[in-house]
Amino acid sequence: MRTLLRLRSAFTLVELLVACLVLGVGVLGLASTSVAVARLTGDSTRAGAAVERGQARLEALRSRQCAAAAGGTLIAGGIAEWWSLAPSSGGALLEDSVRYTEGVHHSPHTESLSSEAWCP
């Protein structure tokens, strides 16, 4: 009778516990990775929106006459923006800066954009 019991293959309790532990560690690793990916996606969305706003502002300033364009500030959607115009040789120097927060600690990040417009 003993020889028949030994020939039957089955999992022991220790093997099952080890398999559950390995599976649990894998699931926790997957969950932490998905949280990091979601955070980085949110950061890149804010950065993209801030740079798009700055580019749109520079395009709007370039399309106006130099005398009609003026500097200013705007805070909307968690993004602070300020722009200025300065005379330069044959035109105007356009500068736009945007500030937004990124990361878990909401550290401020600033992007500066500049362009030159020809003024007749």
PDB file of N, CA and C in Angstrom:
ATOM      1  N   MET A   1       0.809  -1.189   0.000  1.00  0.00           N
ATOM      2  CA  MET A   1       0.000   0.000   0.000  1.00  0.00           C
ATOM      3  C   MET A   1       0.862   1.267   0.000  1.00  0.00           C
ATOM      4  N   ARG A   2       1.969   1.207   0.707  1.00  0.00           N
ATOM      5  CA  ARG A   2       2.845   2.379   0.747  1.00  0.00           C
ATOM      6  C   ARG A   2       3.456   2.673  -0.610  1.00  0.00           C
ATOM      7  N   THR A   3       3.788   1.727  -1.350  1.00  0.00           N
ATOM      8  CA  THR A   3       4.399   1.963  -2.656  1.00  0.00           C
ATOM      9  C   THR A   3       3.413   2.624  -3.609  1.00  0.00           C
ATOM     10  N   LEU A   4       2.138   2.359  -3.469  1.00  0.00           N
ATOM     11  CA  LEU A   4       1.151   2.998  -4.324  1.00  0.00           C
ATOM     12  C   LEU A   4       0.997   4.488  -4.000  1.00  0.00           C
ATOM     13  N   LEU A   5       1.085   4.839  -2.738  1.00  0.00           N
ATOM     14  CA  LEU A   5       0.964   6.240  -2.352  1.00  0.00           C
ATOM     15  C   LEU A   5       2.161   7.051  -2.834  1.00  0.00           C
ATOM     16  N   ARG A   6       3.318   6.479  -2.845  1.00  0.00           N
ATOM     17  CA  ARG A   6       4.513   7.205  -3.278  1.00  0.00           C
ATOM     18  C   ARG A   6       4.528   7.422  -4.790  1.00  0.00           C
ATOM     19  N   LEU A   7       3.930   6.609  -5.549  1.00  0.00           N
ATOM     20  CA  LEU A   7       3.936   6.744  -6.993  1.00  0.00           C
ATOM     21  C   LEU A   7       2.985   7.845  -7.476  1.00  0.00           C
ATOM     22  N   ARG A   8       2.014   8.176  -6.684  1.00  0.00           N
ATOM     23  CA  ARG A   8       1.061   9.216  -7.063  1.00  0.00           C
ATOM     24  C   ARG A   8       1.716  10.594  -6.943  1.00  0.00           C
ATOM     25  N   SER A   9       1.685  11.419  -7.995  1.00  0.00           N
ATOM     26  CA  SER A   9       2.324  12.736  -7.922  1.00  0.00           C
ATOM     27  C   SER A   9       1.294  13.785  -7.508  1.00  0.00           C
ATOM     28  N   ALA A  10       1.707  14.683  -6.653  1.00  0.00           N
ATOM     29  CA  ALA A  10       0.844  15.759  -6.169  1.00  0.00           C
ATOM     30  C   ALA A  10       1.731  16.869  -5.629  1.00  0.00           C
ATOM     31  N   PHE A  11       1.122  18.036  -5.442  1.00  0.00           N
ATOM     32  CA  PHE A  11       1.846  19.167  -4.863  1.00  0.00           C
ATOM     33  C   PHE A  11       1.789  19.082  -3.351  1.00  0.00           C
ATOM     34  N   THR A  12       2.900  19.433  -2.724  1.00  0.00           N
ATOM     35  CA  THR A  12       2.894  19.483  -1.264  1.00  0.00           C
ATOM     36  C   THR A  12       2.439  20.856  -0.821  1.00  0.00           C
ATOM     37  N   LEU A  13       2.139  20.974   0.431  1.00  0.00           N
ATOM     38  CA  LEU A  13       1.689  22.251   0.984  1.00  0.00           C
ATOM     39  C   LEU A  13       2.781  23.314   0.854  1.00  0.00           C
ATOM     40  N   VAL A  14       4.017  22.950   1.035  1.00  0.00           N
ATOM     41  CA  VAL A  14       5.130  23.895   0.929  1.00  0.00           C
ATOM     42  C   VAL A  14       5.250  24.402  -0.507  1.00  0.00           C
ATOM     43  N   GLU A  15       5.112  23.528  -1.478  1.00  0.00           N
ATOM     44  CA  GLU A  15       5.179  23.951  -2.872  1.00  0.00           C
ATOM     45  C   GLU A  15       4.055  24.932  -3.214  1.00  0.00           C
ATOM     46  N   LEU A  16       2.872  24.681  -2.715  1.00  0.00           N
ATOM     47  CA  LEU A  16       1.749  25.589  -2.955  1.00  0.00           C
ATOM     48  C   LEU A  16       1.978  26.948  -2.309  1.00  0.00           C
ATOM     49  N   LEU A  17       2.520  26.964  -1.094  1.00  0.00           N
ATOM     50  CA  LEU A  17       2.803  28.239  -0.427  1.00  0.00           C
ATOM     51  C   LEU A  17       3.867  29.041  -1.178  1.00  0.00           C
ATOM     52  N   VAL A  18       4.900  28.362  -1.666  1.00  0.00           N
ATOM     53  CA  VAL A  18       5.939  29.044  -2.436  1.00  0.00           C
ATOM     54  C   VAL A  18       5.358  29.593  -3.740  1.00  0.00           C
ATOM     55  N   ALA A  19       4.513  28.831  -4.409  1.00  0.00           N
ATOM     56  CA  ALA A  19       3.889  29.301  -5.649  1.00  0.00           C
ATOM     57  C   ALA A  19       3.011  30.525  -5.390  1.00  0.00           C
ATOM     58  N   CYS A  20       2.258  30.519  -4.297  1.00  0.00           N
ATOM     59  CA  CYS A  20       1.427  31.676  -3.947  1.00  0.00           C
ATOM     60  C   CYS A  20       2.292  32.898  -3.629  1.00  0.00           C
ATOM     61  N   LEU A  21       3.393  32.705  -2.962  1.00  0.00           N
ATOM     62  CA  LEU A  21       4.303  33.810  -2.636  1.00  0.00           C
ATOM     63  C   LEU A  21       4.882  34.412  -3.914  1.00  0.00           C
ATOM     64  N   VAL A  22       5.332  33.583  -4.836  1.00  0.00           N
ATOM     65  CA  VAL A  22       5.899  34.073  -6.096  1.00  0.00           C
ATOM     66  C   VAL A  22       4.833  34.821  -6.897  1.00  0.00           C
ATOM     67  N   LEU A  23       3.633  34.299  -6.956  1.00  0.00           N
ATOM     68  CA  LEU A  23       2.549  34.970  -7.659  1.00  0.00           C
ATOM     69  C   LEU A  23       2.206  36.307  -7.017  1.00  0.00           C
ATOM     70  N   GLY A  24       2.167  36.347  -5.683  1.00  0.00           N
ATOM     71  CA  GLY A  24       1.877  37.602  -4.971  1.00  0.00           C
ATOM     72  C   GLY A  24       2.921  38.666  -5.233  1.00  0.00           C
ATOM     73  N   VAL A  25       4.195  38.281  -5.227  1.00  0.00           N
ATOM     74  CA  VAL A  25       5.264  39.246  -5.510  1.00  0.00           C
ATOM     75  C   VAL A  25       5.138  39.771  -6.936  1.00  0.00           C
ATOM     76  N   GLY A  26       4.807  38.916  -7.876  1.00  0.00           N
ATOM     77  CA  GLY A  26       4.633  39.344  -9.260  1.00  0.00           C
ATOM     78  C   GLY A  26       3.477  40.311  -9.426  1.00  0.00           C
ATOM     79  N   VAL A  27       2.368  40.044  -8.765  1.00  0.00           N
ATOM     80  CA  VAL A  27       1.202  40.931  -8.855  1.00  0.00           C
ATOM     81  C   VAL A  27       1.507  42.287  -8.228  1.00  0.00           C
ATOM     82  N   LEU A  28       2.187  42.300  -7.087  1.00  0.00           N
ATOM     83  CA  LEU A  28       2.558  43.571  -6.463  1.00  0.00           C
ATOM     84  C   LEU A  28       3.515  44.376  -7.343  1.00  0.00           C
ATOM     85  N   GLY A  29       4.448  43.714  -7.994  1.00  0.00           N
ATOM     86  CA  GLY A  29       5.361  44.400  -8.904  1.00  0.00           C
ATOM     87  C   GLY A  29       4.626  45.005 -10.080  1.00  0.00           C
ATOM     88  N   LEU A  30       3.668  44.265 -10.615  1.00  0.00           N
ATOM     89  CA  LEU A  30       2.867  44.774 -11.725  1.00  0.00           C
ATOM     90  C   LEU A  30       2.027  45.975 -11.302  1.00  0.00           C
ATOM     91  N   ALA A  31       1.457  45.934 -10.111  1.00  0.00           N
ATOM     92  CA  ALA A  31       0.640  47.050  -9.619  1.00  0.00           C
ATOM     93  C   ALA A  31       1.490  48.308  -9.411  1.00  0.00           C
ATOM     94  N   SER A  32       2.671  48.156  -8.843  1.00  0.00           N
ATOM     95  CA  SER A  32       3.513  49.340  -8.620  1.00  0.00           C
ATOM     96  C   SER A  32       3.995  49.929  -9.939  1.00  0.00           C
ATOM     97  N   THR A  33       4.253  49.093 -10.917  1.00  0.00           N
ATOM     98  CA  THR A  33       4.660  49.589 -12.229  1.00  0.00           C
ATOM     99  C   THR A  33       3.532  50.363 -12.900  1.00  0.00           C
ATOM    100  N   SER A  34       2.309  49.881 -12.770  1.00  0.00           N
ATOM    101  CA  SER A  34       1.190  50.578 -13.404  1.00  0.00           C
ATOM    102  C   SER A  34       0.946  51.935 -12.745  1.00  0.00           C
ATOM    103  N   VAL A  35       1.173  52.058 -11.458  1.00  0.00           N
ATOM    104  CA  VAL A  35       1.037  53.353 -10.780  1.00  0.00           C
ATOM    105  C   VAL A  35       2.093  54.327 -11.293  1.00  0.00           C
ATOM    106  N   ALA A  36       3.320  53.850 -11.469  1.00  0.00           N
ATOM    107  CA  ALA A  36       4.386  54.719 -11.974  1.00  0.00           C
ATOM    108  C   ALA A  36       4.090  55.174 -13.402  1.00  0.00           C
ATOM    109  N   VAL A  37       3.574  54.287 -14.218  1.00  0.00           N
ATOM    110  CA  VAL A  37       3.244  54.648 -15.601  1.00  0.00           C
ATOM    111  C   VAL A  37       2.125  55.689 -15.624  1.00  0.00           C
ATOM    112  N   ALA A  38       1.122  55.534 -14.780  1.00  0.00           N
ATOM    113  CA  ALA A  38       0.026  56.510 -14.728  1.00  0.00           C
ATOM    114  C   ALA A  38       0.538  57.882 -14.296  1.00  0.00           C
ATOM    115  N   ARG A  39       1.448  57.919 -13.339  1.00  0.00           N
ATOM    116  CA  ARG A  39       2.000  59.194 -12.877  1.00  0.00           C
ATOM    117  C   ARG A  39       2.809  59.867 -13.985  1.00  0.00           C
ATOM    118  N   LEU A  40       3.642  59.096 -14.690  1.00  0.00           N
ATOM    119  CA  LEU A  40       4.444  59.665 -15.766  1.00  0.00           C
ATOM    120  C   LEU A  40       3.576  60.132 -16.925  1.00  0.00           C
ATOM    121  N   THR A  41       2.487  59.445 -17.190  1.00  0.00           N
ATOM    122  CA  THR A  41       1.572  59.874 -18.243  1.00  0.00           C
ATOM    123  C   THR A  41       0.938  61.211 -17.893  1.00  0.00           C
ATOM    124  N   GLY A  42       0.544  61.381 -16.636  1.00  0.00           N
ATOM    125  CA  GLY A  42      -0.020  62.662 -16.200  1.00  0.00           C
ATOM    126  C   GLY A  42       0.988  63.787 -16.303  1.00  0.00           C
ATOM    127  N   ASP A  43       2.247  63.514 -15.941  1.00  0.00           N
ATOM    128  CA  ASP A  43       3.292  64.538 -16.045  1.00  0.00           C
ATOM    129  C   ASP A  43       3.509  64.957 -17.491  1.00  0.00           C
ATOM    130  N   SER A  44       3.562  63.991 -18.390  1.00  0.00           N
ATOM    131  CA  SER A  44       3.798  64.340 -19.792  1.00  0.00           C
ATOM    132  C   SER A  44       2.603  65.080 -20.397  1.00  0.00           C
ATOM    133  N   THR A  45       1.402  64.789 -19.921  1.00  0.00           N
ATOM    134  CA  THR A  45       0.224  65.509 -20.402  1.00  0.00           C
ATOM    135  C   THR A  45       0.292  66.976 -19.997  1.00  0.00           C
ATOM    136  N   ARG A  46       0.662  67.240 -18.725  1.00  0.00           N
ATOM    137  CA  ARG A  46       0.794  68.625 -18.272  1.00  0.00           C
ATOM    138  C   ARG A  46       1.909  69.356 -19.013  1.00  0.00           C
ATOM    139  N   ALA A  47       3.037  68.686 -19.222  1.00  0.00           N
ATOM    140  CA  ALA A  47       4.154  69.313 -19.934  1.00  0.00           C
ATOM    141  C   ALA A  47       3.763  69.633 -21.369  1.00  0.00           C
ATOM    142  N   GLY A  48       3.077  68.720 -22.017  1.00  0.00           N
ATOM    143  CA  GLY A  48       2.636  68.949 -23.394  1.00  0.00           C
ATOM    144  C   GLY A  48       1.657  70.109 -23.491  1.00  0.00           C
ATOM    145  N   ALA A  49       0.721  70.185 -22.553  1.00  0.00           N
ATOM    146  CA  ALA A  49      -0.248  71.282 -22.555  1.00  0.00           C
ATOM    147  C   ALA A  49       0.441  72.621 -22.328  1.00  0.00           C
ATOM    148  N   ALA A  50       1.433  72.652 -21.450  1.00  0.00           N
ATOM    149  CA  ALA A  50       2.140  73.900 -21.171  1.00  0.00           C
ATOM    150  C   ALA A  50       2.920  74.373 -22.392  1.00  0.00           C
ATOM    151  N   VAL A  51       3.611  73.481 -23.055  1.00  0.00           N
ATOM    152  CA  VAL A  51       4.399  73.869 -24.225  1.00  0.00           C
ATOM    153  C   VAL A  51       3.486  74.257 -25.386  1.00  0.00           C
ATOM    154  N   GLU A  52       2.364  73.556 -25.551  1.00  0.00           N
ATOM    155  CA  GLU A  52       1.403  73.939 -26.595  1.00  0.00           C
ATOM    156  C   GLU A  52       0.868  75.347 -26.356  1.00  0.00           C
ATOM    157  N   ARG A  53       0.596  75.672 -25.098  1.00  0.00           N
ATOM    158  CA  ARG A  53       0.103  77.010 -24.785  1.00  0.00           C
ATOM    159  C   ARG A  53       1.156  78.064 -25.107  1.00  0.00           C
ATOM    160  N   GLY A  54       2.409  77.772 -24.776  1.00  0.00           N
ATOM    161  CA  GLY A  54       3.480  78.719 -25.084  1.00  0.00           C
ATOM    162  C   GLY A  54       3.673  78.911 -26.576  1.00  0.00           C
ATOM    163  N   GLN A  55       3.628  77.821 -27.340  1.00  0.00           N
ATOM    164  CA  GLN A  55       3.768  77.937 -28.788  1.00  0.00           C
ATOM    165  C   GLN A  55       2.609  78.718 -29.400  1.00  0.00           C
ATOM    166  N   ALA A  56       1.408  78.474 -28.911  1.00  0.00           N
ATOM    167  CA  ALA A  56       0.241  79.204 -29.426  1.00  0.00           C
ATOM    168  C   ALA A  56       0.373  80.698 -29.127  1.00  0.00           C
ATOM    169  N   ARG A  57       0.884  81.042 -27.943  1.00  0.00           N
ATOM    170  CA  ARG A  57       1.064  82.447 -27.594  1.00  0.00           C
ATOM    171  C   ARG A  57       2.079  83.104 -28.519  1.00  0.00           C
ATOM    172  N   LEU A  58       3.206  82.440 -28.774  1.00  0.00           N
ATOM    173  CA  LEU A  58       4.213  83.012 -29.666  1.00  0.00           C
ATOM    174  C   LEU A  58       3.666  83.181 -31.080  1.00  0.00           C
ATOM    175  N   GLU A  59       2.897  82.216 -31.556  1.00  0.00           N
ATOM    176  CA  GLU A  59       2.299  82.337 -32.889  1.00  0.00           C
ATOM    177  C   GLU A  59       1.321  83.512 -32.945  1.00  0.00           C
ATOM    178  N   ALA A  60       0.539  83.694 -31.874  1.00  0.00           N
ATOM    179  CA  ALA A  60      -0.404  84.816 -31.835  1.00  0.00           C
ATOM    180  C   ALA A  60       0.337  86.148 -31.814  1.00  0.00           C
ATOM    181  N   LEU A  61       1.433  86.223 -31.059  1.00  0.00           N
ATOM    182  CA  LEU A  61       2.211  87.465 -31.006  1.00  0.00           C
ATOM    183  C   LEU A  61       2.868  87.755 -32.350  1.00  0.00           C
ATOM    184  N   ARG A  62       3.354  86.726 -33.018  1.00  0.00           N
ATOM    185  CA  ARG A  62       3.995  86.925 -34.324  1.00  0.00           C
ATOM    186  C   ARG A  62       2.989  87.378 -35.383  1.00  0.00           C
ATOM    187  N   SER A  63       1.732  86.972 -35.255  1.00  0.00           N
ATOM    188  CA  SER A  63       0.735  87.333 -36.264  1.00  0.00           C
ATOM    189  C   SER A  63       0.222  88.761 -36.102  1.00  0.00           C
ATOM    190  N   ARG A  64       0.418  89.360 -34.947  1.00  0.00           N
ATOM    191  CA  ARG A  64      -0.034  90.738 -34.722  1.00  0.00           C
ATOM    192  C   ARG A  64       1.015  91.719 -35.218  1.00  0.00           C
ATOM    193  N   GLN A  65       0.580  92.952 -35.391  1.00  0.00           N
ATOM    194  CA  GLN A  65       1.536  94.018 -35.675  1.00  0.00           C
ATOM    195  C   GLN A  65       2.352  94.262 -34.413  1.00  0.00           C
ATOM    196  N   CYS A  66       3.595  94.636 -34.571  1.00  0.00           N
ATOM    197  CA  CYS A  66       4.473  94.817 -33.410  1.00  0.00           C
ATOM    198  C   CYS A  66       3.951  95.877 -32.449  1.00  0.00           C
ATOM    199  N   ALA A  67       3.336  96.929 -32.963  1.00  0.00           N
ATOM    200  CA  ALA A  67       2.824  97.987 -32.101  1.00  0.00           C
ATOM    201  C   ALA A  67       1.606  97.508 -31.312  1.00  0.00           C
ATOM    202  N   ALA A  68       0.826  96.576 -31.877  1.00  0.00           N
ATOM    203  CA  ALA A  68      -0.387  96.114 -31.207  1.00  0.00           C
ATOM    204  C   ALA A  68      -0.094  95.039 -30.164  1.00  0.00           C
ATOM    205  N   ALA A  69       1.036  94.379 -30.265  1.00  0.00           N
ATOM    206  CA  ALA A  69       1.363  93.294 -29.336  1.00  0.00           C
ATOM    207  C   ALA A  69       1.885  93.864 -28.024  1.00  0.00           C
ATOM    208  N   ALA A  70       1.543  93.203 -26.937  1.00  0.00           N
ATOM    209  CA  ALA A  70       1.993  93.645 -25.611  1.00  0.00           C
ATOM    210  C   ALA A  70       2.266  92.418 -24.750  1.00  0.00           C
ATOM    211  N   GLY A  71       3.029  92.615 -23.698  1.00  0.00           N
ATOM    212  CA  GLY A  71       3.321  91.534 -22.777  1.00  0.00           C
ATOM    213  C   GLY A  71       2.161  91.310 -21.818  1.00  0.00           C
ATOM    214  N   GLY A  72       2.236  90.235 -21.042  1.00  0.00           N
ATOM    215  CA  GLY A  72       1.178  89.955 -20.089  1.00  0.00           C
ATOM    216  C   GLY A  72       1.414  88.657 -19.341  1.00  0.00           C
ATOM    217  N   THR A  73       0.440  88.312 -18.512  1.00  0.00           N
ATOM    218  CA  THR A  73       0.490  87.065 -17.751  1.00  0.00           C
ATOM    219  C   THR A  73      -0.877  86.396 -17.790  1.00  0.00           C
ATOM    220  N   LEU A  74      -0.871  85.089 -17.587  1.00  0.00           N
ATOM    221  CA  LEU A  74      -2.111  84.326 -17.552  1.00  0.00           C
ATOM    222  C   LEU A  74      -1.886  83.087 -16.707  1.00  0.00           C
ATOM    223  N   ILE A  75      -2.829  82.810 -15.814  1.00  0.00           N
ATOM    224  CA  ILE A  75      -2.795  81.578 -15.024  1.00  0.00           C
ATOM    225  C   ILE A  75      -4.110  80.851 -15.271  1.00  0.00           C
ATOM    226  N   ALA A  76      -4.020  79.665 -15.856  1.00  0.00           N
ATOM    227  CA  ALA A  76      -5.226  78.890 -16.156  1.00  0.00           C
ATOM    228  C   ALA A  76      -4.866  77.417 -16.205  1.00  0.00           C
ATOM    229  N   GLY A  77      -5.726  76.586 -15.648  1.00  0.00           N
ATOM    230  CA  GLY A  77      -5.537  75.145 -15.708  1.00  0.00           C
ATOM    231  C   GLY A  77      -4.283  74.650 -15.022  1.00  0.00           C
ATOM    232  N   GLY A  78      -3.841  75.339 -13.995  1.00  0.00           N
ATOM    233  CA  GLY A  78      -2.635  74.914 -13.287  1.00  0.00           C
ATOM    234  C   GLY A  78      -1.343  75.272 -14.005  1.00  0.00           C
ATOM    235  N   ILE A  79      -1.445  76.074 -15.049  1.00  0.00           N
ATOM    236  CA  ILE A  79      -0.264  76.479 -15.815  1.00  0.00           C
ATOM    237  C   ILE A  79      -0.170  78.005 -15.773  1.00  0.00           C
ATOM    238  N   ALA A  80       0.956  78.509 -15.295  1.00  0.00           N
ATOM    239  CA  ALA A  80       1.202  79.954 -15.275  1.00  0.00           C
ATOM    240  C   ALA A  80       2.020  80.307 -16.510  1.00  0.00           C
ATOM    241  N   GLU A  81       1.636  81.406 -17.147  1.00  0.00           N
ATOM    242  CA  GLU A  81       2.318  81.816 -18.375  1.00  0.00           C
ATOM    243  C   GLU A  81       2.560  83.314 -18.333  1.00  0.00           C
ATOM    244  N   TRP A  82       3.724  83.736 -18.779  1.00  0.00           N
ATOM    245  CA  TRP A  82       4.009  85.159 -18.901  1.00  0.00           C
ATOM    246  C   TRP A  82       4.842  85.365 -20.161  1.00  0.00           C
ATOM    247  N   TRP A  83       4.573  86.481 -20.850  1.00  0.00           N
ATOM    248  CA  TRP A  83       5.230  86.756 -22.120  1.00  0.00           C
ATOM    249  C   TRP A  83       5.610  88.215 -22.186  1.00  0.00           C
ATOM    250  N   SER A  84       6.594  88.503 -23.036  1.00  0.00           N
ATOM    251  CA  SER A  84       7.068  89.879 -23.180  1.00  0.00           C
ATOM    252  C   SER A  84       7.607  90.085 -24.591  1.00  0.00           C
ATOM    253  N   LEU A  85       7.687  91.350 -24.978  1.00  0.00           N
ATOM    254  CA  LEU A  85       8.248  91.753 -26.261  1.00  0.00           C
ATOM    255  C   LEU A  85       9.352  92.770 -25.986  1.00  0.00           C
ATOM    256  N   ALA A  86      10.435  92.661 -26.700  1.00  0.00           N
ATOM    257  CA  ALA A  86      11.528  93.625 -26.568  1.00  0.00           C
ATOM    258  C   ALA A  86      12.009  93.978 -27.973  1.00  0.00           C
ATOM    259  N   PRO A  87      12.286  95.252 -28.206  1.00  0.00           N
ATOM    260  CA  PRO A  87      12.766  95.631 -29.541  1.00  0.00           C
ATOM    261  C   PRO A  87      14.134  95.010 -29.818  1.00  0.00           C
ATOM    262  N   SER A  88      14.307  94.626 -31.069  1.00  0.00           N
ATOM    263  CA  SER A  88      15.605  94.109 -31.503  1.00  0.00           C
ATOM    264  C   SER A  88      15.870  94.654 -32.903  1.00  0.00           C
ATOM    265  N   SER A  89      17.005  94.350 -33.469  1.00  0.00           N
ATOM    266  CA  SER A  89      17.353  94.908 -34.781  1.00  0.00           C
ATOM    267  C   SER A  89      16.394  94.378 -35.848  1.00  0.00           C
ATOM    268  N   GLY A  90      15.595  95.286 -36.400  1.00  0.00           N
ATOM    269  CA  GLY A  90      14.675  94.936 -37.466  1.00  0.00           C
ATOM    270  C   GLY A  90      13.396  94.258 -37.021  1.00  0.00           C
ATOM    271  N   GLY A  91      13.144  94.187 -35.758  1.00  0.00           N
ATOM    272  CA  GLY A  91      11.926  93.508 -35.321  1.00  0.00           C
ATOM    273  C   GLY A  91      11.742  93.535 -33.822  1.00  0.00           C
ATOM    274  N   ALA A  92      11.170  92.465 -33.319  1.00  0.00           N
ATOM    275  CA  ALA A  92      10.911  92.376 -31.887  1.00  0.00           C
ATOM    276  C   ALA A  92      11.269  90.981 -31.408  1.00  0.00           C
ATOM    277  N   LEU A  93      11.858  90.905 -30.238  1.00  0.00           N
ATOM    278  CA  LEU A  93      12.174  89.628 -29.610  1.00  0.00           C
ATOM    279  C   LEU A  93      10.984  89.216 -28.763  1.00  0.00           C
ATOM    280  N   LEU A  94      10.407  88.074 -29.052  1.00  0.00           N
ATOM    281  CA  LEU A  94       9.240  87.570 -28.330  1.00  0.00           C
ATOM    282  C   LEU A  94       9.704  86.473 -27.376  1.00  0.00           C
ATOM    283  N   GLU A  95       9.325  86.583 -26.133  1.00  0.00           N
ATOM    284  CA  GLU A  95       9.672  85.567 -25.145  1.00  0.00           C
ATOM    285  C   GLU A  95       8.419  85.148 -24.406  1.00  0.00           C
ATOM    286  N   ASP A  96       8.289  83.842 -24.193  1.00  0.00           N
ATOM    287  CA  ASP A  96       7.150  83.292 -23.466  1.00  0.00           C
ATOM    288  C   ASP A  96       7.673  82.225 -22.526  1.00  0.00           C
ATOM    289  N   SER A  97       7.208  82.243 -21.297  1.00  0.00           N
ATOM    290  CA  SER A  97       7.589  81.236 -20.310  1.00  0.00           C
ATOM    291  C   SER A  97       6.335  80.627 -19.714  1.00  0.00           C
ATOM    292  N   VAL A  98       6.380  79.321 -19.485  1.00  0.00           N
ATOM    293  CA  VAL A  98       5.262  78.612 -18.861  1.00  0.00           C
ATOM    294  C   VAL A  98       5.795  77.835 -17.672  1.00  0.00           C
ATOM    295  N   ARG A  99       5.015  77.831 -16.600  1.00  0.00           N
ATOM    296  CA  ARG A  99       5.396  77.077 -15.392  1.00  0.00           C
ATOM    297  C   ARG A  99       4.260  76.137 -15.044  1.00  0.00           C
ATOM    298  N   TYR A 100       4.617  74.892 -14.780  1.00  0.00           N
ATOM    299  CA  TYR A 100       3.654  73.869 -14.394  1.00  0.00           C
ATOM    300  C   TYR A 100       4.311  72.970 -13.357  1.00  0.00           C
ATOM    301  N   THR A 101       3.506  72.176 -12.686  1.00  0.00           N
ATOM    302  CA  THR A 101       4.044  71.271 -11.674  1.00  0.00           C
ATOM    303  C   THR A 101       4.106  69.865 -12.232  1.00  0.00           C
ATOM    304  N   GLU A 102       5.078  69.103 -11.735  1.00  0.00           N
ATOM    305  CA  GLU A 102       5.209  67.724 -12.173  1.00  0.00           C
ATOM    306  C   GLU A 102       5.710  66.871 -11.023  1.00  0.00           C
ATOM    307  N   GLY A 103       5.456  65.592 -11.113  1.00  0.00           N
ATOM    308  CA  GLY A 103       5.937  64.639 -10.126  1.00  0.00           C
ATOM    309  C   GLY A 103       5.030  64.539  -8.919  1.00  0.00           C
ATOM    310  N   VAL A 104       5.403  63.624  -8.049  1.00  0.00           N
ATOM    311  CA  VAL A 104       4.626  63.360  -6.841  1.00  0.00           C
ATOM    312  C   VAL A 104       4.659  64.551  -5.907  1.00  0.00           C
ATOM    313  N   HIS A 105       5.800  65.225  -5.850  1.00  0.00           N
ATOM    314  CA  HIS A 105       5.964  66.345  -4.916  1.00  0.00           C
ATOM    315  C   HIS A 105       5.538  67.671  -5.531  1.00  0.00           C
ATOM    316  N   HIS A 106       4.990  67.642  -6.734  1.00  0.00           N
ATOM    317  CA  HIS A 106       4.498  68.832  -7.439  1.00  0.00           C
ATOM    318  C   HIS A 106       5.562  69.914  -7.523  1.00  0.00           C
ATOM    319  N   SER A 107       6.757  69.517  -7.917  1.00  0.00           N
ATOM    320  CA  SER A 107       7.831  70.490  -8.061  1.00  0.00           C
ATOM    321  C   SER A 107       7.590  71.328  -9.317  1.00  0.00           C
ATOM    322  N   PRO A 108       7.795  72.651  -9.223  1.00  0.00           N
ATOM    323  CA  PRO A 108       7.539  73.520 -10.380  1.00  0.00           C
ATOM    324  C   PRO A 108       8.602  73.333 -11.460  1.00  0.00           C
ATOM    325  N   HIS A 109       8.161  73.370 -12.683  1.00  0.00           N
ATOM    326  CA  HIS A 109       9.054  73.239 -13.833  1.00  0.00           C
ATOM    327  C   HIS A 109       8.723  74.374 -14.802  1.00  0.00           C
ATOM    328  N   THR A 110       9.745  75.039 -15.315  1.00  0.00           N
ATOM    329  CA  THR A 110       9.549  76.177 -16.207  1.00  0.00           C
ATOM    330  C   THR A 110      10.166  75.897 -17.570  1.00  0.00           C
ATOM    331  N   GLU A 111       9.409  76.196 -18.608  1.00  0.00           N
ATOM    332  CA  GLU A 111       9.899  76.114 -19.987  1.00  0.00           C
ATOM    333  C   GLU A 111       9.891  77.527 -20.560  1.00  0.00           C
ATOM    334  N   SER A 112      10.975  77.911 -21.217  1.00  0.00           N
ATOM    335  CA  SER A 112      11.060  79.241 -21.837  1.00  0.00           C
ATOM    336  C   SER A 112      11.174  79.084 -23.343  1.00  0.00           C
ATOM    337  N   LEU A 113      10.364  79.834 -24.048  1.00  0.00           N
ATOM    338  CA  LEU A 113      10.362  79.824 -25.507  1.00  0.00           C
ATOM    339  C   LEU A 113      10.652  81.234 -25.998  1.00  0.00           C
ATOM    340  N   SER A 114      11.384  81.356 -27.095  1.00  0.00           N
ATOM    341  CA  SER A 114      11.647  82.684 -27.636  1.00  0.00           C
ATOM    342  C   SER A 114      11.648  82.617 -29.145  1.00  0.00           C
ATOM    343  N   SER A 115      11.320  83.747 -29.757  1.00  0.00           N
ATOM    344  CA  SER A 115      11.275  83.866 -31.199  1.00  0.00           C
ATOM    345  C   SER A 115      11.500  85.327 -31.550  1.00  0.00           C
ATOM    346  N   GLU A 116      11.773  85.564 -32.812  1.00  0.00           N
ATOM    347  CA  GLU A 116      11.953  86.947 -33.256  1.00  0.00           C
ATOM    348  C   GLU A 116      10.980  87.208 -34.393  1.00  0.00           C
ATOM    349  N   ALA A 117      10.326  88.361 -34.341  1.00  0.00           N
ATOM    350  CA  ALA A 117       9.370  88.746 -35.369  1.00  0.00           C
ATOM    351  C   ALA A 117       9.898  89.965 -36.121  1.00  0.00           C
ATOM    352  N   TRP A 118       9.694  89.941 -37.413  1.00  0.00           N
ATOM    353  CA  TRP A 118      10.095  91.063 -38.237  1.00  0.00           C
ATOM    354  C   TRP A 118       9.003  92.118 -38.212  1.00  0.00           C
ATOM    355  N   CYS A 119       9.375  93.362 -37.956  1.00  0.00           N
ATOM    356  CA  CYS A 119       8.415  94.467 -37.902  1.00  0.00           C
ATOM    357  C   CYS A 119       8.807  95.488 -38.961  1.00  0.00           C
ATOM    358  N   PRO A 120       7.911  95.725 -39.922  1.00  0.00           N
ATOM    359  CA  PRO A 120       8.239  96.709 -40.991  1.00  0.00           C
ATOM    360  C   PRO A 120       8.219  98.129 -40.473  1.00  0.00           C
TER     361      PRO A 120
END
